[in-house]
Amino acid sequence: MSKFKRISCYDNRPGRNSRESLFSSPDVFRLSDKAQGKAAISKYSIGNMVVGQVRSTGHEVEVRESFGVSIVVPLQGYLRSSANRKEYEALANVSALLFSPNCRKTEVFSPNGDEFLGVPVVVPFSEIANAAERMGIPLRQANRTNSFSFALSHQKHQLSGELVHGCMAMYSEIARGSRRLDLPGVHTQWSQFVSEKVVELLDDAGLFHLPQIASLSTKGRHVKRAMEYMQANLSDIVMITEVARACGLSNRTLEQAFKDAVSMTPLQVLTSFRLDEARAMLLAPDDGKSVTDAAFACGFRHLGRFARVYGERFGELPSETRARR
């Protein structure tokens, strides 16, 4: 049975605060009530998307997402986010928030003594690009990172409503442990539905593009070139030194560029790309690759380590993913 996996919990008891993030970089988390407050964060992977469940008495968090579009849907309570020097609010049953890759600070509130319940969904660039290609929508380059942040009024705007209600329905299936999620192709259907709704919404708003990371900076260009090399050579790269050499950089310069641009190391980014590609292979209905084939094809040379990092990322074993296709 498919269900959310708890990845973090916070309260006032020593040793109870685990630290795993829903987003691409670790977050800074503070409970609003340090004495009595508590929060629990869970996640579930749908294809390459990450779906979260956040329950909290109230908190403040600083996050950075570098590789995908984030949708944040409050189901109980409300939240306020600061991004791009602006503030955005979302209220349960009224609105949600949509962000391109950015750094943001979010406060969540649980009025009337009820806990806050929210559903963050992170849709990777790869899913957005594939959806745009399926829909025949041309891509436009972004001029800078942090290119859009806005509220989705799902009561007033049809496309916003379709996206938000789709995310709510997907969350409901996960939360109740629906056996439908274990059927072949269901994860792909959900992933395609959400990514295509995001593309429709952004295209309708005249905002559709794939954001480039810090595209106007020298370090951003280093990172972009390195990422392109990684994606073209997933199975062949043995050491990060090879990436640095291919980009004409020293290891130190490459490491610093990644740290400044995406708050991750080159190895972490390479591993993320490899995991996304391996998962796509394991979910492909017409691909006969075994777990071993997928691991080796994506550059993983130790099957035990592959299974471990795959489980940490997607909350299930590679063999469990393959069994659903």
Protein backbone atom coordinates (compact mmCIF):
# COMPACT_ATOMS: atom_id res chain seq x y z
CA MET A 1 0.00 0.00 0.00
CA SER A 2 1.36 3.45 -0.98
CA LYS A 3 1.42 6.12 1.70
CA PHE A 4 3.35 9.18 2.83
CA LYS A 5 6.70 8.56 4.52
CA ARG A 6 7.57 10.86 7.42
CA ILE A 7 10.93 12.56 6.84
CA SER A 8 11.07 15.28 9.54
CA CYS A 9 9.49 16.05 12.90
CA TYR A 10 9.92 19.03 15.18
CA ASP A 11 8.95 19.61 18.81
CA ASN A 12 10.53 20.75 22.07
CA ARG A 13 11.99 17.36 23.04
CA PRO A 14 15.77 16.91 22.61
CA GLY A 15 16.77 14.50 19.89
CA ARG A 16 13.37 14.53 18.19
CA ASN A 17 14.10 17.00 15.40
CA SER A 18 15.10 15.11 12.24
CA ARG A 19 16.28 17.14 9.26
CA GLU A 20 15.34 16.05 5.74
CA SER A 21 13.88 18.50 3.26
CA LEU A 22 11.17 18.27 0.61
CA PHE A 23 13.21 20.66 -1.52
CA SER A 24 16.58 20.49 -3.27
CA SER A 25 18.49 22.21 -0.45
CA PRO A 26 18.21 21.82 3.35
CA ASP A 27 15.80 24.25 4.98
CA VAL A 28 15.98 26.42 8.10
CA PHE A 29 12.97 25.59 10.27
CA ARG A 30 11.65 27.38 13.39
CA LEU A 31 8.51 26.56 15.35
CA SER A 32 6.37 29.58 16.21
CA ASP A 33 5.75 28.25 19.72
CA LYS A 34 9.08 26.88 20.93
CA ALA A 35 7.56 25.47 24.11
CA GLN A 36 4.42 23.73 22.84
CA GLY A 37 4.72 23.78 19.07
CA LYS A 38 5.20 20.75 16.86
CA ALA A 39 5.34 19.87 13.19
CA ALA A 40 5.66 16.78 11.02
CA ILE A 41 6.68 16.62 7.36
CA SER A 42 6.10 13.63 5.08
CA LYS A 43 6.71 12.97 1.40
CA TYR A 44 5.73 10.65 -1.42
CA SER A 45 7.16 10.44 -4.96
CA ILE A 46 4.91 10.40 -8.01
CA GLY A 47 7.21 9.70 -10.94
CA ASN A 48 9.89 12.36 -10.55
CA MET A 49 7.57 14.72 -8.67
CA VAL A 50 7.74 15.10 -4.90
CA VAL A 51 4.43 15.46 -3.04
CA GLY A 52 4.62 16.62 0.56
CA GLN A 53 2.36 16.70 3.59
CA VAL A 54 3.05 19.37 6.22
CA ARG A 55 1.22 19.34 9.56
CA SER A 56 2.10 22.09 12.03
CA THR A 57 0.89 24.18 14.94
CA GLY A 58 2.67 27.08 13.23
CA HIS A 59 6.21 27.64 11.98
CA GLU A 60 8.57 29.67 9.84
CA VAL A 61 10.82 28.06 7.24
CA GLU A 62 13.42 29.23 4.74
CA VAL A 63 13.78 26.97 1.69
CA ARG A 64 15.63 26.89 -1.60
CA GLU A 65 14.37 24.93 -4.59
CA SER A 66 16.72 24.96 -7.57
CA PHE A 67 15.43 22.33 -9.97
CA GLY A 68 11.69 22.61 -10.30
CA VAL A 69 8.42 24.50 -10.03
CA SER A 70 6.81 24.44 -6.56
CA ILE A 71 3.05 24.40 -5.93
CA VAL A 72 1.95 24.94 -2.32
CA VAL A 73 -1.69 24.16 -1.47
CA PRO A 74 -3.00 24.89 2.07
CA LEU A 75 -5.80 22.53 3.13
CA GLN A 76 -6.20 23.94 6.67
CA GLY A 77 -5.02 27.32 7.91
CA TYR A 78 -3.08 29.76 5.76
CA LEU A 79 0.47 30.68 4.78
CA ARG A 80 2.47 33.74 3.84
CA SER A 81 5.59 33.55 1.64
CA SER A 82 8.22 36.17 0.82
CA ALA A 83 10.01 35.79 -2.50
CA ASN A 84 11.52 38.22 -4.98
CA ARG A 85 10.99 41.02 -2.40
CA LYS A 86 7.24 40.50 -2.47
CA GLU A 87 4.77 38.78 -0.17
CA TYR A 88 2.18 36.22 -1.22
CA GLU A 89 -0.63 34.69 0.83
CA ALA A 90 -2.71 31.55 0.39
CA LEU A 91 -5.77 30.54 2.37
CA ALA A 92 -7.25 27.04 2.58
CA ASN A 93 -10.09 26.47 0.08
CA VAL A 94 -9.42 29.84 -1.55
CA SER A 95 -5.92 30.00 -3.04
CA ALA A 96 -2.53 28.36 -3.47
CA LEU A 97 0.98 29.53 -4.45
CA LEU A 98 3.16 28.76 -7.46
CA PHE A 99 6.90 29.46 -7.60
CA SER A 100 9.67 29.04 -10.13
CA PRO A 101 13.04 28.05 -8.57
CA ASN A 102 13.84 30.48 -5.79
CA CYS A 103 14.81 31.13 -2.20
CA ARG A 104 11.82 32.00 -0.06
CA LYS A 105 10.70 32.42 3.52
CA THR A 106 7.31 31.01 4.48
CA GLU A 107 5.21 31.35 7.64
CA VAL A 108 2.30 29.02 8.27
CA PHE A 109 -0.55 29.72 10.67
CA SER A 110 -3.09 27.49 12.39
CA PRO A 111 -5.96 29.75 13.54
CA ASN A 112 -8.59 28.70 16.08
CA GLY A 113 -6.39 26.02 17.58
CA ASP A 114 -6.52 23.77 14.49
CA GLU A 115 -3.28 22.54 12.99
CA PHE A 116 -2.02 23.80 9.64
CA LEU A 117 -2.15 21.22 6.85
CA GLY A 118 -0.41 21.94 3.57
CA VAL A 119 0.56 20.08 0.41
CA PRO A 120 3.76 21.18 -1.39
CA VAL A 121 4.34 19.65 -4.83
CA VAL A 122 7.68 20.00 -6.64
CA VAL A 123 7.61 19.40 -10.41
CA PRO A 124 11.13 19.01 -11.92
CA PHE A 125 12.20 20.91 -15.05
CA SER A 126 12.42 17.61 -16.93
CA GLU A 127 8.69 17.00 -16.43
CA ILE A 128 7.82 20.56 -17.47
CA ALA A 129 9.95 20.29 -20.62
CA ASN A 130 8.42 16.93 -21.55
CA ALA A 131 4.91 18.30 -21.03
CA ALA A 132 5.65 21.35 -23.21
CA GLU A 133 6.97 19.07 -25.95
CA ARG A 134 3.87 16.85 -25.80
CA MET A 135 1.66 19.93 -26.02
CA GLY A 136 3.63 21.59 -28.83
CA ILE A 137 4.33 24.73 -26.79
CA PRO A 138 7.68 26.41 -27.65
CA LEU A 139 10.06 27.14 -24.80
CA ARG A 140 11.36 30.61 -24.09
CA GLN A 141 14.48 31.33 -22.14
CA ALA A 142 14.24 33.15 -18.83
CA ASN A 143 16.33 36.27 -18.34
CA ARG A 144 17.01 35.54 -14.71
CA THR A 145 16.28 33.12 -11.92
CA ASN A 146 13.36 33.65 -9.47
CA SER A 147 11.30 34.64 -12.51
CA PHE A 148 7.77 34.16 -11.25
CA SER A 149 5.85 33.81 -8.01
CA PHE A 150 2.10 34.26 -7.76
CA ALA A 151 -1.09 33.19 -6.04
CA LEU A 152 -3.52 30.78 -7.69
CA SER A 153 -7.14 31.66 -7.05
CA HIS A 154 -8.81 28.34 -7.72
CA GLN A 155 -12.28 29.80 -7.15
CA LYS A 156 -11.90 32.53 -9.78
CA HIS A 157 -9.57 31.11 -12.44
CA GLN A 158 -10.39 27.89 -14.28
CA LEU A 159 -6.82 26.74 -15.03
CA SER A 160 -5.73 27.52 -11.47
CA GLY A 161 -8.69 25.54 -10.18
CA GLU A 162 -7.88 22.54 -12.38
CA LEU A 163 -4.27 22.47 -11.17
CA VAL A 164 -5.08 22.97 -7.48
CA HIS A 165 -7.97 20.51 -7.41
CA GLY A 166 -5.81 18.00 -9.26
CA CYS A 167 -3.11 18.35 -6.60
CA MET A 168 -5.74 17.94 -3.88
CA ALA A 169 -7.12 14.78 -5.50
CA MET A 170 -3.61 13.36 -5.88
CA TYR A 171 -2.89 14.14 -2.22
CA SER A 172 -6.13 12.45 -1.17
CA GLU A 173 -5.16 9.23 -2.95
CA ILE A 174 -1.76 9.19 -1.23
CA ALA A 175 -3.09 10.12 2.22
CA ARG A 176 -5.67 7.34 2.25
CA GLY A 177 -3.22 4.78 0.83
CA SER A 178 -5.20 4.17 -2.35
CA ARG A 179 -4.26 0.87 -3.99
CA ARG A 180 -4.76 2.57 -7.35
CA LEU A 181 -1.32 4.14 -6.89
CA ASP A 182 0.23 0.67 -7.11
CA LEU A 183 -1.26 0.03 -10.56
CA PRO A 184 1.01 0.29 -13.64
CA GLY A 185 0.97 3.71 -15.27
CA VAL A 186 -0.89 5.59 -12.53
CA HIS A 187 2.18 7.53 -11.39
CA THR A 188 2.86 8.53 -15.00
CA GLN A 189 -0.74 9.70 -15.43
CA TRP A 190 -0.57 11.92 -12.35
CA SER A 191 2.85 13.29 -13.26
CA GLN A 192 1.72 14.16 -16.78
CA PHE A 193 -1.53 15.70 -15.56
CA VAL A 194 0.15 18.05 -13.07
CA SER A 195 3.05 19.03 -15.35
CA GLU A 196 0.69 19.73 -18.28
CA LYS A 197 -1.58 21.86 -16.07
CA VAL A 198 1.47 23.88 -14.97
CA VAL A 199 2.47 24.40 -18.60
CA GLU A 200 -1.10 25.44 -19.54
CA LEU A 201 -1.25 27.90 -16.66
CA LEU A 202 2.11 29.51 -17.38
CA ASP A 203 1.45 29.67 -21.09
CA ASP A 204 -1.94 31.30 -20.45
CA ALA A 205 -0.26 33.87 -18.21
CA GLY A 206 2.47 34.57 -20.79
CA LEU A 207 5.10 33.34 -18.35
CA PHE A 208 6.06 29.96 -19.72
CA HIS A 209 9.77 29.23 -19.91
CA LEU A 210 12.38 27.02 -18.37
CA PRO A 211 14.29 29.23 -15.93
CA GLN A 212 18.04 29.23 -16.24
CA ILE A 213 20.04 29.25 -13.04
CA ALA A 214 21.66 32.65 -12.47
CA SER A 215 21.97 33.05 -16.23
CA LEU A 216 23.54 36.51 -16.11
CA SER A 217 26.43 35.57 -13.81
CA THR A 218 29.74 33.91 -14.66
CA LYS A 219 29.22 31.29 -11.95
CA GLY A 220 25.73 30.63 -13.28
CA ARG A 221 27.17 29.95 -16.75
CA HIS A 222 29.71 27.56 -15.22
CA VAL A 223 26.92 25.67 -13.47
CA LYS A 224 24.71 25.56 -16.58
CA ARG A 225 27.58 24.21 -18.71
CA ALA A 226 28.46 21.62 -16.07
CA MET A 227 24.85 20.47 -15.77
CA GLU A 228 24.56 20.08 -19.53
CA TYR A 229 27.71 17.97 -19.55
CA MET A 230 26.41 15.83 -16.66
CA GLN A 231 23.09 15.17 -18.39
CA ALA A 232 24.81 14.20 -21.65
CA ASN A 233 27.27 11.84 -19.92
CA LEU A 234 25.37 10.34 -16.98
CA SER A 235 26.66 6.80 -17.46
CA ASP A 236 30.26 7.75 -18.20
CA ILE A 237 31.29 10.20 -15.45
CA VAL A 238 33.39 8.51 -12.78
CA MET A 239 34.75 11.55 -10.93
CA ILE A 240 33.62 15.17 -10.67
CA THR A 241 37.13 16.11 -11.81
CA GLU A 242 36.02 15.02 -15.30
CA VAL A 243 33.18 17.54 -15.24
CA ALA A 244 35.48 20.34 -14.12
CA ARG A 245 38.00 19.45 -16.82
CA ALA A 246 35.31 19.35 -19.53
CA CYS A 247 34.21 22.86 -18.47
CA GLY A 248 37.77 24.20 -18.33
CA LEU A 249 37.57 24.80 -14.57
CA SER A 250 39.43 23.76 -11.46
CA ASN A 251 37.62 21.52 -8.98
CA ARG A 252 37.57 24.34 -6.45
CA THR A 253 36.02 26.82 -8.90
CA LEU A 254 33.33 24.33 -9.92
CA GLU A 255 32.47 23.46 -6.31
CA GLN A 256 32.18 27.14 -5.37
CA ALA A 257 30.03 27.95 -8.40
CA PHE A 258 27.56 25.21 -7.49
CA LYS A 259 27.53 26.26 -3.85
CA ASP A 260 26.74 29.86 -4.76
CA ALA A 261 24.19 29.09 -7.51
CA VAL A 262 22.21 26.14 -6.15
CA SER A 263 23.52 25.47 -2.61
CA MET A 264 24.49 21.93 -3.62
CA THR A 265 27.72 20.19 -4.57
CA PRO A 266 28.33 19.02 -8.14
CA LEU A 267 28.16 15.41 -6.91
CA GLN A 268 24.76 15.99 -5.31
CA VAL A 269 23.42 17.46 -8.56
CA LEU A 270 24.89 14.62 -10.64
CA THR A 271 23.33 12.05 -8.30
CA SER A 272 19.97 13.83 -8.56
CA PHE A 273 20.10 13.72 -12.36
CA ARG A 274 21.02 10.04 -12.28
CA LEU A 275 18.19 9.17 -9.90
CA ASP A 276 15.62 11.02 -12.03
CA GLU A 277 16.78 9.20 -15.16
CA ALA A 278 16.85 5.81 -13.41
CA ARG A 279 13.31 6.32 -12.12
CA ALA A 280 12.09 7.29 -15.59
CA MET A 281 13.60 4.06 -16.96
CA LEU A 282 12.03 1.93 -14.23
CA LEU A 283 8.61 3.49 -14.82
CA ALA A 284 8.72 3.28 -18.64
CA PRO A 285 6.04 0.72 -19.65
CA ASP A 286 7.81 -0.34 -22.86
CA ASP A 287 11.33 -0.53 -21.42
CA GLY A 288 12.49 -3.98 -20.35
CA LYS A 289 15.35 -2.70 -18.19
CA SER A 290 15.90 -4.40 -14.86
CA VAL A 291 16.91 -2.50 -11.72
CA THR A 292 20.53 -3.46 -12.41
CA ASP A 293 20.29 -2.30 -16.04
CA ALA A 294 18.82 1.07 -15.01
CA ALA A 295 21.43 1.60 -12.29
CA PHE A 296 24.38 0.89 -14.58
CA ALA A 297 22.87 2.86 -17.48
CA CYS A 298 22.68 5.94 -15.25
CA GLY A 299 26.21 5.66 -13.87
CA PHE A 300 25.62 3.88 -10.55
CA ARG A 301 28.33 1.26 -10.09
CA HIS A 302 27.35 -0.03 -6.63
CA LEU A 303 23.84 -1.50 -6.47
CA GLY A 304 23.64 -1.26 -2.68
CA ARG A 305 24.38 2.47 -2.72
CA PHE A 306 21.94 2.95 -5.62
CA ALA A 307 19.14 1.27 -3.65
CA ARG A 308 19.93 3.35 -0.57
CA VAL A 309 20.01 6.80 -2.23
CA TYR A 310 17.01 5.88 -4.40
CA GLY A 311 15.02 4.97 -1.30
CA GLU A 312 16.04 8.22 0.43
CA ARG A 313 14.95 10.27 -2.60
CA PHE A 314 11.71 8.51 -3.59
CA GLY A 315 10.62 6.69 -0.42
CA GLU A 316 10.61 3.23 -2.03
CA LEU A 317 13.03 0.63 -3.40
CA PRO A 318 13.86 0.58 -7.13
CA SER A 319 12.29 -2.87 -7.35
CA GLU A 320 9.02 -1.46 -5.99
CA THR A 321 9.02 1.23 -8.67
CA ARG A 322 9.67 -1.33 -11.42
CA ALA A 323 6.84 -3.57 -10.18
CA ARG A 324 4.27 -0.83 -10.89
CA ARG A 325 5.00 -0.31 -14.57
